[in-house]
C-alpha cells in the first residue's frame, strides 16, 4: 500500500524551459503543499533534449497536495512554456538493458533445498 501511496505523490513535470532550475520548480509547486524532493535530470540525454522536452519530478509529502498541484499546474505556463503535469510513472527496466535479470537476485539469502520444500508439505 505504501508504494501505491508513494506513487501518487510523485509528479512528472514536462515541457520545462532550460532556464527552470530545481529551485524555480520548487517555488512553483510549494504553494500546493509540503515538498519532499524536486529533481530535474541532468544526464546526457536530458541536457541534449529538444527544446520543450526537458522534464522534472516533484515529490509531495501528501498525495492530496500532489493532486491539487496537478489540477492547478497542468497546462499552466512557466517561463513561456506550457507545462504538462501528471502522476509520474514508475521507472521500468528498458528493453535491451545491459543488466541481466539475475543481477537483481540477492545471493545473501539462503537457498531453498528439496528438504525445506518437503517440510511444508503435509502427507495424508
PDB file of N, CA and C in Angstrom:
ATOM      1  N   UNK A   1       0.819  -1.194   0.000  1.00  0.00           N
ATOM      2  CA  UNK A   1       0.000   0.000   0.000  1.00  0.00           C
ATOM      3  C   UNK A   1       0.865   1.261   0.000  1.00  0.00           C
ATOM      4  N   UNK A   2       1.998   1.203   0.686  1.00  0.00           N
ATOM      5  CA  UNK A   2       2.866   2.373   0.753  1.00  0.00           C
ATOM      6  C   UNK A   2       3.405   2.742  -0.617  1.00  0.00           C
ATOM      7  N   UNK A   3       3.712   1.733  -1.457  1.00  0.00           N
ATOM      8  CA  UNK A   3       4.224   2.020  -2.792  1.00  0.00           C
ATOM      9  C   UNK A   3       3.178   2.740  -3.627  1.00  0.00           C
ATOM     10  N   UNK A   4       1.921   2.314  -3.512  1.00  0.00           N
ATOM     11  CA  UNK A   4       0.855   2.971  -4.252  1.00  0.00           C
ATOM     12  C   UNK A   4       0.704   4.409  -3.782  1.00  0.00           C
ATOM     13  N   UNK A   5       0.692   4.616  -2.487  1.00  0.00           N
ATOM     14  CA  UNK A   5       0.572   5.955  -1.935  1.00  0.00           C
ATOM     15  C   UNK A   5       1.756   6.811  -2.369  1.00  0.00           C
ATOM     16  N   UNK A   6       2.954   6.237  -2.336  1.00  0.00           N
ATOM     17  CA  UNK A   6       4.159   6.944  -2.736  1.00  0.00           C
ATOM     18  C   UNK A   6       4.079   7.343  -4.205  1.00  0.00           C
ATOM     19  N   UNK A   7       3.581   6.437  -5.050  1.00  0.00           N
ATOM     20  CA  UNK A   7       3.484   6.723  -6.478  1.00  0.00           C
ATOM     21  C   UNK A   7       2.559   7.902  -6.740  1.00  0.00           C
ATOM     22  N   UNK A   8       1.515   8.049  -5.959  1.00  0.00           N
ATOM     23  CA  UNK A   8       0.556   9.130  -6.169  1.00  0.00           C
ATOM     24  C   UNK A   8       1.063  10.476  -5.658  1.00  0.00           C
ATOM     25  N   UNK A   9       2.219  10.479  -5.008  1.00  0.00           N
ATOM     26  CA  UNK A   9       2.804  11.729  -4.516  1.00  0.00           C
ATOM     27  C   UNK A   9       3.875  12.259  -5.458  1.00  0.00           C
ATOM     28  N   UNK A  10       4.304  11.442  -6.405  1.00  0.00           N
ATOM     29  CA  UNK A  10       5.374  11.810  -7.328  1.00  0.00           C
ATOM     30  C   UNK A  10       4.795  12.323  -8.635  1.00  0.00           C
ATOM     31  N   UNK A  11       5.176  13.533  -9.008  1.00  0.00           N
ATOM     32  CA  UNK A  11       4.660  14.140 -10.224  1.00  0.00           C
ATOM     33  C   UNK A  11       5.735  14.266 -11.286  1.00  0.00           C
ATOM     34  N   UNK A  12       5.332  14.053 -12.520  1.00  0.00           N
ATOM     35  CA  UNK A  12       6.155  14.320 -13.691  1.00  0.00           C
ATOM     36  C   UNK A  12       5.768  15.707 -14.181  1.00  0.00           C
ATOM     37  N   UNK A  13       6.753  16.546 -14.439  1.00  0.00           N
ATOM     38  CA  UNK A  13       6.504  17.892 -14.957  1.00  0.00           C
ATOM     39  C   UNK A  13       7.259  18.019 -16.275  1.00  0.00           C
ATOM     40  N   UNK A  14       6.523  18.003 -17.370  1.00  0.00           N
ATOM     41  CA  UNK A  14       7.133  18.071 -18.695  1.00  0.00           C
ATOM     42  C   UNK A  14       7.011  19.457 -19.299  1.00  0.00           C
ATOM     43  N   UNK A  15       7.833  19.703 -20.327  1.00  0.00           N
ATOM     44  CA  UNK A  15       7.789  20.973 -21.040  1.00  0.00           C
ATOM     45  C   UNK A  15       8.555  22.089 -20.365  1.00  0.00           C
ATOM     46  N   UNK A  16       9.564  21.748 -19.578  1.00  0.00           N
ATOM     47  CA  UNK A  16      10.319  22.778 -18.847  1.00  0.00           C
ATOM     48  C   UNK A  16      11.258  23.547 -19.766  1.00  0.00           C
ATOM     49  N   UNK A  17      11.313  24.838 -19.575  1.00  0.00           N
ATOM     50  CA  UNK A  17      12.268  25.687 -20.266  1.00  0.00           C
ATOM     51  C   UNK A  17      13.656  25.430 -19.681  1.00  0.00           C
ATOM     52  N   UNK A  18      14.681  25.672 -20.467  1.00  0.00           N
ATOM     53  CA  UNK A  18      16.056  25.447 -19.990  1.00  0.00           C
ATOM     54  C   UNK A  18      16.424  26.343 -18.808  1.00  0.00           C
ATOM     55  N   UNK A  19      15.727  27.447 -18.633  1.00  0.00           N
ATOM     56  CA  UNK A  19      16.015  28.361 -17.519  1.00  0.00           C
ATOM     57  C   UNK A  19      15.489  27.850 -16.182  1.00  0.00           C
ATOM     58  N   UNK A  20      14.597  26.868 -16.218  1.00  0.00           N
ATOM     59  CA  UNK A  20      13.985  26.372 -14.981  1.00  0.00           C
ATOM     60  C   UNK A  20      14.996  25.524 -14.213  1.00  0.00           C
ATOM     61  N   UNK A  21      15.224  25.902 -12.964  1.00  0.00           N
ATOM     62  CA  UNK A  21      16.111  25.153 -12.074  1.00  0.00           C
ATOM     63  C   UNK A  21      15.254  24.394 -11.064  1.00  0.00           C
ATOM     64  N   UNK A  22      15.894  23.554 -10.269  1.00  0.00           N
ATOM     65  CA  UNK A  22      15.159  22.846  -9.221  1.00  0.00           C
ATOM     66  C   UNK A  22      14.553  23.835  -8.225  1.00  0.00           C
ATOM     67  N   UNK A  23      15.252  24.930  -7.964  1.00  0.00           N
ATOM     68  CA  UNK A  23      14.745  25.942  -7.042  1.00  0.00           C
ATOM     69  C   UNK A  23      13.495  26.617  -7.604  1.00  0.00           C
ATOM     70  N   UNK A  24      13.507  26.917  -8.900  1.00  0.00           N
ATOM     71  CA  UNK A  24      12.349  27.540  -9.546  1.00  0.00           C
ATOM     72  C   UNK A  24      11.167  26.574  -9.540  1.00  0.00           C
ATOM     73  N   UNK A  25      11.426  25.307  -9.844  1.00  0.00           N
ATOM     74  CA  UNK A  25      10.362  24.301  -9.857  1.00  0.00           C
ATOM     75  C   UNK A  25       9.768  24.135  -8.457  1.00  0.00           C
ATOM     76  N   UNK A  26      10.637  24.122  -7.449  1.00  0.00           N
ATOM     77  CA  UNK A  26      10.175  24.048  -6.059  1.00  0.00           C
ATOM     78  C   UNK A  26       9.252  25.227  -5.748  1.00  0.00           C
ATOM     79  N   UNK A  27       9.691  26.431  -6.096  1.00  0.00           N
ATOM     80  CA  UNK A  27       8.910  27.636  -5.805  1.00  0.00           C
ATOM     81  C   UNK A  27       7.558  27.620  -6.519  1.00  0.00           C
ATOM     82  N   UNK A  28       7.507  27.029  -7.700  1.00  0.00           N
ATOM     83  CA  UNK A  28       6.255  26.981  -8.454  1.00  0.00           C
ATOM     84  C   UNK A  28       5.253  26.008  -7.843  1.00  0.00           C
ATOM     85  N   UNK A  29       5.745  24.947  -7.180  1.00  0.00           N
ATOM     86  CA  UNK A  29       4.855  23.900  -6.676  1.00  0.00           C
ATOM     87  C   UNK A  29       4.610  23.942  -5.168  1.00  0.00           C
ATOM     88  N   UNK A  30       5.435  24.641  -4.407  1.00  0.00           N
ATOM     89  CA  UNK A  30       5.292  24.660  -2.946  1.00  0.00           C
ATOM     90  C   UNK A  30       3.971  25.271  -2.466  1.00  0.00           C
ATOM     91  N   UNK A  31       3.303  26.145  -3.219  1.00  0.00           N
ATOM     92  CA  UNK A  31       2.012  26.646  -2.731  1.00  0.00           C
ATOM     93  C   UNK A  31       0.956  25.553  -2.534  1.00  0.00           C
ATOM     94  N   UNK A  32       1.175  24.381  -3.118  1.00  0.00           N
ATOM     95  CA  UNK A  32       0.175  23.314  -3.028  1.00  0.00           C
ATOM     96  C   UNK A  32       0.418  22.358  -1.869  1.00  0.00           C
ATOM     97  N   UNK A  33       1.557  22.473  -1.197  1.00  0.00           N
ATOM     98  CA  UNK A  33       1.823  21.626  -0.042  1.00  0.00           C
ATOM     99  C   UNK A  33       3.300  21.370   0.153  1.00  0.00           C
ATOM    100  N   UNK A  34       3.602  20.635   1.223  1.00  0.00           N
ATOM    101  CA  UNK A  34       4.992  20.329   1.569  1.00  0.00           C
ATOM    102  C   UNK A  34       5.608  19.421   0.511  1.00  0.00           C
ATOM    103  N   UNK A  35       6.789  19.802   0.053  1.00  0.00           N
ATOM    104  CA  UNK A  35       7.502  19.052  -0.978  1.00  0.00           C
ATOM    105  C   UNK A  35       8.641  18.282  -0.336  1.00  0.00           C
ATOM    106  N   UNK A  36       8.731  17.021  -0.686  1.00  0.00           N
ATOM    107  CA  UNK A  36       9.788  16.158  -0.168  1.00  0.00           C
ATOM    108  C   UNK A  36      11.057  16.279  -1.011  1.00  0.00           C
ATOM    109  N   UNK A  37      10.876  16.346  -2.354  1.00  0.00           N
ATOM    110  CA  UNK A  37      12.047  16.358  -3.230  1.00  0.00           C
ATOM    111  C   UNK A  37      11.678  16.914  -4.604  1.00  0.00           C
ATOM    112  N   UNK A  38      12.631  17.611  -5.230  1.00  0.00           N
ATOM    113  CA  UNK A  38      12.486  18.097  -6.603  1.00  0.00           C
ATOM    114  C   UNK A  38      13.723  17.657  -7.365  1.00  0.00           C
ATOM    115  N   UNK A  39      13.508  17.123  -8.575  1.00  0.00           N
ATOM    116  CA  UNK A  39      14.638  16.688  -9.401  1.00  0.00           C
ATOM    117  C   UNK A  39      14.419  17.107 -10.844  1.00  0.00           C
ATOM    118  N   UNK A  40      15.469  17.605 -11.468  1.00  0.00           N
ATOM    119  CA  UNK A  40      15.495  17.814 -12.908  1.00  0.00           C
ATOM    120  C   UNK A  40      16.680  16.994 -13.399  1.00  0.00           C
ATOM    121  N   UNK A  41      16.429  15.936 -14.177  1.00  0.00           N
ATOM    122  CA  UNK A  41      17.529  15.079 -14.634  1.00  0.00           C
ATOM    123  C   UNK A  41      18.577  15.888 -15.390  1.00  0.00           C
ATOM    124  N   UNK A  42      19.828  15.563 -15.124  1.00  0.00           N
ATOM    125  CA  UNK A  42      20.926  16.274 -15.777  1.00  0.00           C
ATOM    126  C   UNK A  42      21.822  15.327 -16.560  1.00  0.00           C
ATOM    127  N   UNK A  43      21.304  14.142 -16.903  1.00  0.00           N
ATOM    128  CA  UNK A  43      22.108  13.205 -17.676  1.00  0.00           C
ATOM    129  C   UNK A  43      22.273  13.717 -19.106  1.00  0.00           C
ATOM    130  N   UNK A  44      23.087  13.055 -19.884  1.00  0.00           N
ATOM    131  CA  UNK A  44      23.407  13.492 -21.240  1.00  0.00           C
ATOM    132  C   UNK A  44      22.159  13.651 -22.101  1.00  0.00           C
ATOM    133  N   UNK A  45      21.268  12.667 -22.055  1.00  0.00           N
ATOM    134  CA  UNK A  45      20.054  12.712 -22.877  1.00  0.00           C
ATOM    135  C   UNK A  45      19.187  13.911 -22.506  1.00  0.00           C
ATOM    136  N   UNK A  46      19.062  14.189 -21.216  1.00  0.00           N
ATOM    137  CA  UNK A  46      18.234  15.311 -20.769  1.00  0.00           C
ATOM    138  C   UNK A  46      18.861  16.649 -21.172  1.00  0.00           C
ATOM    139  N   UNK A  47      20.191  16.761 -21.074  1.00  0.00           N
ATOM    140  CA  UNK A  47      20.861  18.011 -21.438  1.00  0.00           C
ATOM    141  C   UNK A  47      20.718  18.311 -22.923  1.00  0.00           C
ATOM    142  N   UNK A  48      20.674  17.262 -23.738  1.00  0.00           N
ATOM    143  CA  UNK A  48      20.614  17.437 -25.183  1.00  0.00           C
ATOM    144  C   UNK A  48      19.209  17.285 -25.745  1.00  0.00           C
ATOM    145  N   UNK A  49      18.223  17.295 -24.883  1.00  0.00           N
ATOM    146  CA  UNK A  49      16.835  17.155 -25.331  1.00  0.00           C
ATOM    147  C   UNK A  49      16.430  18.367 -26.165  1.00  0.00           C
ATOM    148  N   UNK A  50      15.521  18.115 -27.079  1.00  0.00           N
ATOM    149  CA  UNK A  50      14.993  19.199 -27.905  1.00  0.00           C
ATOM    150  C   UNK A  50      14.297  20.217 -27.006  1.00  0.00           C
ATOM    151  N   UNK A  51      14.249  21.466 -27.440  1.00  0.00           N
ATOM    152  CA  UNK A  51      13.552  22.479 -26.634  1.00  0.00           C
ATOM    153  C   UNK A  51      12.126  22.036 -26.327  1.00  0.00           C
ATOM    154  N   UNK A  52      11.717  22.241 -25.094  1.00  0.00           N
ATOM    155  CA  UNK A  52      10.372  21.836 -24.686  1.00  0.00           C
ATOM    156  C   UNK A  52      10.289  20.393 -24.240  1.00  0.00           C
ATOM    157  N   UNK A  53      11.386  19.658 -24.348  1.00  0.00           N
ATOM    158  CA  UNK A  53      11.383  18.246 -23.958  1.00  0.00           C
ATOM    159  C   UNK A  53      12.001  18.027 -22.580  1.00  0.00           C
ATOM    160  N   UNK A  54      12.498  19.083 -21.948  1.00  0.00           N
ATOM    161  CA  UNK A  54      13.048  18.933 -20.592  1.00  0.00           C
ATOM    162  C   UNK A  54      11.934  18.613 -19.628  1.00  0.00           C
ATOM    163  N   UNK A  55      12.282  17.878 -18.594  1.00  0.00           N
ATOM    164  CA  UNK A  55      11.272  17.495 -17.606  1.00  0.00           C
ATOM    165  C   UNK A  55      11.888  17.455 -16.219  1.00  0.00           C
ATOM    166  N   UNK A  56      11.017  17.344 -15.234  1.00  0.00           N
ATOM    167  CA  UNK A  56      11.450  17.238 -13.852  1.00  0.00           C
ATOM    168  C   UNK A  56      10.444  16.426 -13.063  1.00  0.00           C
ATOM    169  N   UNK A  57      10.772  16.204 -11.796  1.00  0.00           N
ATOM    170  CA  UNK A  57       9.909  15.437 -10.906  1.00  0.00           C
ATOM    171  C   UNK A  57       9.759  16.193  -9.594  1.00  0.00           C
ATOM    172  N   UNK A  58       8.539  16.211  -9.082  1.00  0.00           N
ATOM    173  CA  UNK A  58       8.249  16.851  -7.800  1.00  0.00           C
ATOM    174  C   UNK A  58       7.560  15.812  -6.933  1.00  0.00           C
ATOM    175  N   UNK A  59       8.138  15.533  -5.764  1.00  0.00           N
ATOM    176  CA  UNK A  59       7.534  14.578  -4.833  1.00  0.00           C
ATOM    177  C   UNK A  59       6.970  15.342  -3.644  1.00  0.00           C
ATOM    178  N   UNK A  60       5.668  15.192  -3.432  1.00  0.00           N
ATOM    179  CA  UNK A  60       4.992  15.833  -2.310  1.00  0.00           C
ATOM    180  C   UNK A  60       4.964  14.904  -1.108  1.00  0.00           C
ATOM    181  N   UNK A  61       4.797  15.479   0.071  1.00  0.00           N
ATOM    182  CA  UNK A  61       4.636  14.695   1.294  1.00  0.00           C
ATOM    183  C   UNK A  61       3.277  14.000   1.313  1.00  0.00           C
ATOM    184  N   UNK A  62       2.274  14.630   0.694  1.00  0.00           N
ATOM    185  CA  UNK A  62       0.903  14.133   0.760  1.00  0.00           C
ATOM    186  C   UNK A  62       0.312  13.992  -0.645  1.00  0.00           C
ATOM    187  N   UNK A  63      -0.396  12.890  -0.898  1.00  0.00           N
ATOM    188  CA  UNK A  63      -0.994  12.626  -2.209  1.00  0.00           C
ATOM    189  C   UNK A  63      -2.063  13.655  -2.570  1.00  0.00           C
ATOM    190  N   UNK A  64      -2.805  14.160  -1.585  1.00  0.00           N
ATOM    191  CA  UNK A  64      -3.828  15.177  -1.868  1.00  0.00           C
ATOM    192  C   UNK A  64      -3.195  16.478  -2.362  1.00  0.00           C
ATOM    193  N   UNK A  65      -2.036  16.818  -1.818  1.00  0.00           N
ATOM    194  CA  UNK A  65      -1.322  18.014  -2.277  1.00  0.00           C
ATOM    195  C   UNK A  65      -0.838  17.823  -3.714  1.00  0.00           C
ATOM    196  N   UNK A  66      -0.381  16.619  -4.020  1.00  0.00           N
ATOM    197  CA  UNK A  66       0.063  16.317  -5.384  1.00  0.00           C
ATOM    198  C   UNK A  66      -1.104  16.461  -6.357  1.00  0.00           C
ATOM    199  N   UNK A  67      -2.272  15.958  -5.974  1.00  0.00           N
ATOM    200  CA  UNK A  67      -3.470  16.066  -6.821  1.00  0.00           C
ATOM    201  C   UNK A  67      -3.832  17.538  -7.037  1.00  0.00           C
ATOM    202  N   UNK A  68      -3.737  18.361  -5.990  1.00  0.00           N
ATOM    203  CA  UNK A  68      -4.025  19.795  -6.121  1.00  0.00           C
ATOM    204  C   UNK A  68      -3.036  20.459  -7.079  1.00  0.00           C
ATOM    205  N   UNK A  69      -1.778  20.049  -7.014  1.00  0.00           N
ATOM    206  CA  UNK A  69      -0.764  20.606  -7.909  1.00  0.00           C
ATOM    207  C   UNK A  69      -1.070  20.245  -9.360  1.00  0.00           C
ATOM    208  N   UNK A  70      -1.488  19.004  -9.597  1.00  0.00           N
ATOM    209  CA  UNK A  70      -1.856  18.599 -10.961  1.00  0.00           C
ATOM    210  C   UNK A  70      -3.027  19.445 -11.450  1.00  0.00           C
ATOM    211  N   UNK A  71      -4.059  19.547 -10.619  1.00  0.00           N
ATOM    212  CA  UNK A  71      -5.261  20.294 -11.001  1.00  0.00           C
ATOM    213  C   UNK A  71      -4.955  21.753 -11.341  1.00  0.00           C
ATOM    214  N   UNK A  72      -3.988  22.336 -10.649  1.00  0.00           N
ATOM    215  CA  UNK A  72      -3.685  23.753 -10.844  1.00  0.00           C
ATOM    216  C   UNK A  72      -2.545  24.036 -11.824  1.00  0.00           C
ATOM    217  N   UNK A  73      -1.597  23.119 -11.952  1.00  0.00           N
ATOM    218  CA  UNK A  73      -0.402  23.401 -12.747  1.00  0.00           C
ATOM    219  C   UNK A  73      -0.398  22.766 -14.136  1.00  0.00           C
ATOM    220  N   UNK A  74      -1.183  21.717 -14.354  1.00  0.00           N
ATOM    221  CA  UNK A  74      -1.217  21.101 -15.680  1.00  0.00           C
ATOM    222  C   UNK A  74      -1.759  22.119 -16.685  1.00  0.00           C
ATOM    223  N   UNK A  75      -1.060  22.280 -17.786  1.00  0.00           N
ATOM    224  CA  UNK A  75      -1.412  23.235 -18.852  1.00  0.00           C
ATOM    225  C   UNK A  75      -1.174  24.697 -18.458  1.00  0.00           C
ATOM    226  N   UNK A  76      -0.482  24.928 -17.327  1.00  0.00           N
ATOM    227  CA  UNK A  76      -0.127  26.307 -16.971  1.00  0.00           C
ATOM    228  C   UNK A  76       1.199  26.650 -17.653  1.00  0.00           C
ATOM    229  N   UNK A  77       1.615  27.900 -17.560  1.00  0.00           N
ATOM    230  CA  UNK A  77       2.859  28.326 -18.193  1.00  0.00           C
ATOM    231  C   UNK A  77       3.911  28.681 -17.158  1.00  0.00           C
ATOM    232  N   UNK A  78       5.153  28.332 -17.494  1.00  0.00           N
ATOM    233  CA  UNK A  78       6.312  28.685 -16.676  1.00  0.00           C
ATOM    234  C   UNK A  78       7.421  29.071 -17.641  1.00  0.00           C
ATOM    235  N   UNK A  79       7.915  30.281 -17.543  1.00  0.00           N
ATOM    236  CA  UNK A  79       8.917  30.819 -18.466  1.00  0.00           C
ATOM    237  C   UNK A  79       8.450  30.692 -19.917  1.00  0.00           C
ATOM    238  N   UNK A  80       7.161  30.933 -20.150  1.00  0.00           N
ATOM    239  CA  UNK A  80       6.622  30.927 -21.503  1.00  0.00           C
ATOM    240  C   UNK A  80       6.365  29.553 -22.096  1.00  0.00           C
ATOM    241  N   UNK A  81       6.591  28.496 -21.337  1.00  0.00           N
ATOM    242  CA  UNK A  81       6.365  27.124 -21.823  1.00  0.00           C
ATOM    243  C   UNK A  81       5.165  26.525 -21.103  1.00  0.00           C
ATOM    244  N   UNK A  82       4.347  25.794 -21.843  1.00  0.00           N
ATOM    245  CA  UNK A  82       3.187  25.126 -21.253  1.00  0.00           C
ATOM    246  C   UNK A  82       3.637  23.845 -20.574  1.00  0.00           C
ATOM    247  N   UNK A  83       3.294  23.714 -19.303  1.00  0.00           N
ATOM    248  CA  UNK A  83       3.685  22.539 -18.525  1.00  0.00           C
ATOM    249  C   UNK A  83       2.687  21.404 -18.715  1.00  0.00           C
ATOM    250  N   UNK A  84       3.204  20.198 -18.655  1.00  0.00           N
ATOM    251  CA  UNK A  84       2.358  19.007 -18.611  1.00  0.00           C
ATOM    252  C   UNK A  84       2.667  18.337 -17.278  1.00  0.00           C
ATOM    253  N   UNK A  85       1.677  18.285 -16.393  1.00  0.00           N
ATOM    254  CA  UNK A  85       1.881  17.756 -15.043  1.00  0.00           C
ATOM    255  C   UNK A  85       0.971  16.551 -14.845  1.00  0.00           C
ATOM    256  N   UNK A  86       1.587  15.406 -14.538  1.00  0.00           N
ATOM    257  CA  UNK A  86       0.848  14.161 -14.327  1.00  0.00           C
ATOM    258  C   UNK A  86       1.505  13.371 -13.202  1.00  0.00           C
ATOM    259  N   UNK A  87       0.838  12.303 -12.771  1.00  0.00           N
ATOM    260  CA  UNK A  87       1.464  11.368 -11.829  1.00  0.00           C
ATOM    261  C   UNK A  87       2.633  10.716 -12.565  1.00  0.00           C
ATOM    262  N   UNK A  88       3.793  10.664 -11.928  1.00  0.00           N
ATOM    263  CA  UNK A  88       4.970  10.049 -12.546  1.00  0.00           C
ATOM    264  C   UNK A  88       4.783   8.541 -12.630  1.00  0.00           C
ATOM    265  N   UNK A  89       5.201   7.971 -13.750  1.00  0.00           N
ATOM    266  CA  UNK A  89       5.137   6.522 -13.914  1.00  0.00           C
ATOM    267  C   UNK A  89       6.356   5.905 -13.241  1.00  0.00           C
ATOM    268  N   UNK A  90       6.198   4.733 -12.637  1.00  0.00           N
ATOM    269  CA  UNK A  90       7.353   4.078 -12.017  1.00  0.00           C
ATOM    270  C   UNK A  90       8.408   3.760 -13.072  1.00  0.00           C
ATOM    271  N   UNK A  91       9.648   3.833 -12.660  1.00  0.00           N
ATOM    272  CA  UNK A  91      10.744   3.540 -13.572  1.00  0.00           C
ATOM    273  C   UNK A  91      10.719   2.063 -13.947  1.00  0.00           C
ATOM    274  N   UNK A  92      10.865   1.793 -15.243  1.00  0.00           N
ATOM    275  CA  UNK A  92      10.876   0.406 -15.720  1.00  0.00           C
ATOM    276  C   UNK A  92      12.248   0.080 -16.283  1.00  0.00           C
ATOM    277  N   UNK A  93      12.559  -1.204 -16.268  1.00  0.00           N
ATOM    278  CA  UNK A  93      13.790  -1.642 -16.916  1.00  0.00           C
ATOM    279  C   UNK A  93      13.602  -1.454 -18.414  1.00  0.00           C
ATOM    280  N   UNK A  94      14.591  -0.924 -19.080  1.00  0.00           N
ATOM    281  CA  UNK A  94      14.493  -0.672 -20.506  1.00  0.00           C
ATOM    282  C   UNK A  94      14.818  -1.936 -21.285  1.00  0.00           C
ATOM    283  N   UNK A  95      14.107  -2.125 -22.374  1.00  0.00           N
ATOM    284  CA  UNK A  95      14.359  -3.249 -23.251  1.00  0.00           C
ATOM    285  C   UNK A  95      15.784  -3.134 -23.769  1.00  0.00           C
ATOM    286  N   UNK A  96      16.512  -4.221 -23.723  1.00  0.00           N
ATOM    287  CA  UNK A  96      17.886  -4.188 -24.178  1.00  0.00           C
ATOM    288  C   UNK A  96      18.841  -3.697 -23.112  1.00  0.00           C
ATOM    289  N   UNK A  97      18.373  -3.601 -21.880  1.00  0.00           N
ATOM    290  CA  UNK A  97      19.227  -3.164 -20.790  1.00  0.00           C
ATOM    291  C   UNK A  97      20.420  -4.103 -20.669  1.00  0.00           C
ATOM    292  N   UNK A  98      21.555  -3.568 -20.333  1.00  0.00           N
ATOM    293  CA  UNK A  98      22.759  -4.387 -20.216  1.00  0.00           C
ATOM    294  C   UNK A  98      22.833  -5.125 -18.885  1.00  0.00           C
ATOM    295  N   UNK A  99      21.866  -4.915 -18.030  1.00  0.00           N
ATOM    296  CA  UNK A  99      21.858  -5.558 -16.724  1.00  0.00           C
ATOM    297  C   UNK A  99      21.008  -6.822 -16.794  1.00  0.00           C
ATOM    298  N   UNK A 100      21.586  -7.990 -16.540  1.00  0.00           N
ATOM    299  CA  UNK A 100      20.801  -9.221 -16.608  1.00  0.00           C
ATOM    300  C   UNK A 100      19.793  -9.313 -15.466  1.00  0.00           C
ATOM    301  N   UNK A 101      18.743 -10.050 -15.719  1.00  0.00           N
ATOM    302  CA  UNK A 101      17.682 -10.211 -14.727  1.00  0.00           C
ATOM    303  C   UNK A 101      18.234 -10.777 -13.429  1.00  0.00           C
ATOM    304  N   UNK A 102      19.128 -11.743 -13.516  1.00  0.00           N
ATOM    305  CA  UNK A 102      19.638 -12.388 -12.310  1.00  0.00           C
ATOM    306  C   UNK A 102      20.524 -11.463 -11.481  1.00  0.00           C
ATOM    307  N   UNK A 103      20.885 -10.310 -11.997  1.00  0.00           N
ATOM    308  CA  UNK A 103      21.670  -9.354 -11.215  1.00  0.00           C
ATOM    309  C   UNK A 103      20.845  -8.782 -10.070  1.00  0.00           C
ATOM    310  N   UNK A 104      19.525  -8.900 -10.170  1.00  0.00           N
ATOM    311  CA  UNK A 104      18.637  -8.409  -9.120  1.00  0.00           C
ATOM    312  C   UNK A 104      18.501  -9.393  -7.966  1.00  0.00           C
ATOM    313  N   UNK A 105      18.963 -10.630  -8.149  1.00  0.00           N
ATOM    314  CA  UNK A 105      18.803 -11.670  -7.136  1.00  0.00           C
ATOM    315  C   UNK A 105      19.739 -11.399  -5.970  1.00  0.00           C
ATOM    316  N   UNK A 106      19.212 -11.496  -4.779  1.00  0.00           N
ATOM    317  CA  UNK A 106      20.002 -11.297  -3.569  1.00  0.00           C
ATOM    318  C   UNK A 106      20.599 -12.640  -3.169  1.00  0.00           C
ATOM    319  N   UNK A 107      21.885 -12.831  -3.479  1.00  0.00           N
ATOM    320  CA  UNK A 107      22.530 -14.108  -3.199  1.00  0.00           C
ATOM    321  C   UNK A 107      22.800 -14.322  -1.719  1.00  0.00           C
ATOM    322  N   UNK A 108      22.639 -13.291  -0.918  1.00  0.00           N
ATOM    323  CA  UNK A 108      22.880 -13.443   0.512  1.00  0.00           C
ATOM    324  C   UNK A 108      21.759 -14.220   1.187  1.00  0.00           C
ATOM    325  N   UNK A 109      20.627 -14.362   0.493  1.00  0.00           N
ATOM    326  CA  UNK A 109      19.518 -15.128   1.068  1.00  0.00           C
ATOM    327  C   UNK A 109      19.817 -16.610   0.926  1.00  0.00           C
ATOM    328  N   UNK A 110      19.364 -17.358   1.893  1.00  0.00           N
ATOM    329  CA  UNK A 110      19.600 -18.790   1.927  1.00  0.00           C
ATOM    330  C   UNK A 110      18.805 -19.479   0.821  1.00  0.00           C
ATOM    331  N   UNK A 111      19.435 -20.414   0.149  1.00  0.00           N
ATOM    332  CA  UNK A 111      18.760 -21.173  -0.902  1.00  0.00           C
ATOM    333  C   UNK A 111      17.814 -22.192  -0.276  1.00  0.00           C
ATOM    334  N   UNK A 112      16.727 -22.484  -0.966  1.00  0.00           N
ATOM    335  CA  UNK A 112      15.771 -23.489  -0.502  1.00  0.00           C
ATOM    336  C   UNK A 112      16.202 -24.838  -1.050  1.00  0.00           C
ATOM    337  N   UNK A 113      16.279 -25.799  -0.175  1.00  0.00           N
ATOM    338  CA  UNK A 113      16.652 -27.159  -0.575  1.00  0.00           C
ATOM    339  C   UNK A 113      15.397 -28.002  -0.739  1.00  0.00           C
ATOM    340  N   UNK A 114      15.495 -29.144  -1.418  1.00  0.00           N
ATOM    341  CA  UNK A 114      14.328 -30.023  -1.549  1.00  0.00           C
ATOM    342  C   UNK A 114      13.772 -30.444  -0.190  1.00  0.00           C
ATOM    343  N   UNK A 115      14.650 -30.605   0.799  1.00  0.00           N
ATOM    344  CA  UNK A 115      14.190 -30.983   2.132  1.00  0.00           C
ATOM    345  C   UNK A 115      13.316 -29.886   2.738  1.00  0.00           C
ATOM    346  N   UNK A 116      13.709 -28.613   2.524  1.00  0.00           N
ATOM    347  CA  UNK A 116      12.913 -27.493   3.022  1.00  0.00           C
ATOM    348  C   UNK A 116      11.532 -27.490   2.383  1.00  0.00           C
ATOM    349  N   UNK A 117      11.479 -27.758   1.115  1.00  0.00           N
ATOM    350  CA  UNK A 117      10.201 -27.774   0.404  1.00  0.00           C
ATOM    351  C   UNK A 117       9.313 -28.890   0.931  1.00  0.00           C
ATOM    352  N   UNK A 118       9.902 -30.044   1.246  1.00  0.00           N
ATOM    353  CA  UNK A 118       9.122 -31.171   1.755  1.00  0.00           C
ATOM    354  C   UNK A 118       8.600 -30.910   3.157  1.00  0.00           C
ATOM    355  N   UNK A 119       9.280 -30.079   3.935  1.00  0.00           N
ATOM    356  CA  UNK A 119       8.833 -29.761   5.290  1.00  0.00           C
ATOM    357  C   UNK A 119       7.477 -29.052   5.275  1.00  0.00           C
ATOM    358  N   UNK A 120       7.204 -28.315   4.210  1.00  0.00           N
ATOM    359  CA  UNK A 120       5.956 -27.562   4.119  1.00  0.00           C
ATOM    360  C   UNK A 120       4.782 -28.387   3.600  1.00  0.00           C
ATOM    361  N   UNK A 121       5.058 -29.574   3.088  1.00  0.00           N
ATOM    362  CA  UNK A 121       4.001 -30.411   2.513  1.00  0.00           C
ATOM    363  C   UNK A 121       3.551 -31.425   3.550  1.00  0.00           C
ATOM    364  N   UNK A 122       2.243 -31.481   3.788  1.00  0.00           N
ATOM    365  CA  UNK A 122       1.704 -32.462   4.731  1.00  0.00           C
ATOM    366  C   UNK A 122       1.332 -33.724   3.975  1.00  0.00           C
ATOM    367  N   UNK A 123       1.715 -34.844   4.499  1.00  0.00           N
ATOM    368  CA  UNK A 123       1.356 -36.131   3.897  1.00  0.00           C
ATOM    369  C   UNK A 123       0.080 -36.622   4.552  1.00  0.00           C
ATOM    370  N   UNK A 124      -0.896 -37.044   3.748  1.00  0.00           N
ATOM    371  CA  UNK A 124      -2.151 -37.568   4.311  1.00  0.00           C
ATOM    372  C   UNK A 124      -2.343 -39.003   3.941  1.00  0.00           C
TER     373      UNK A 124
END
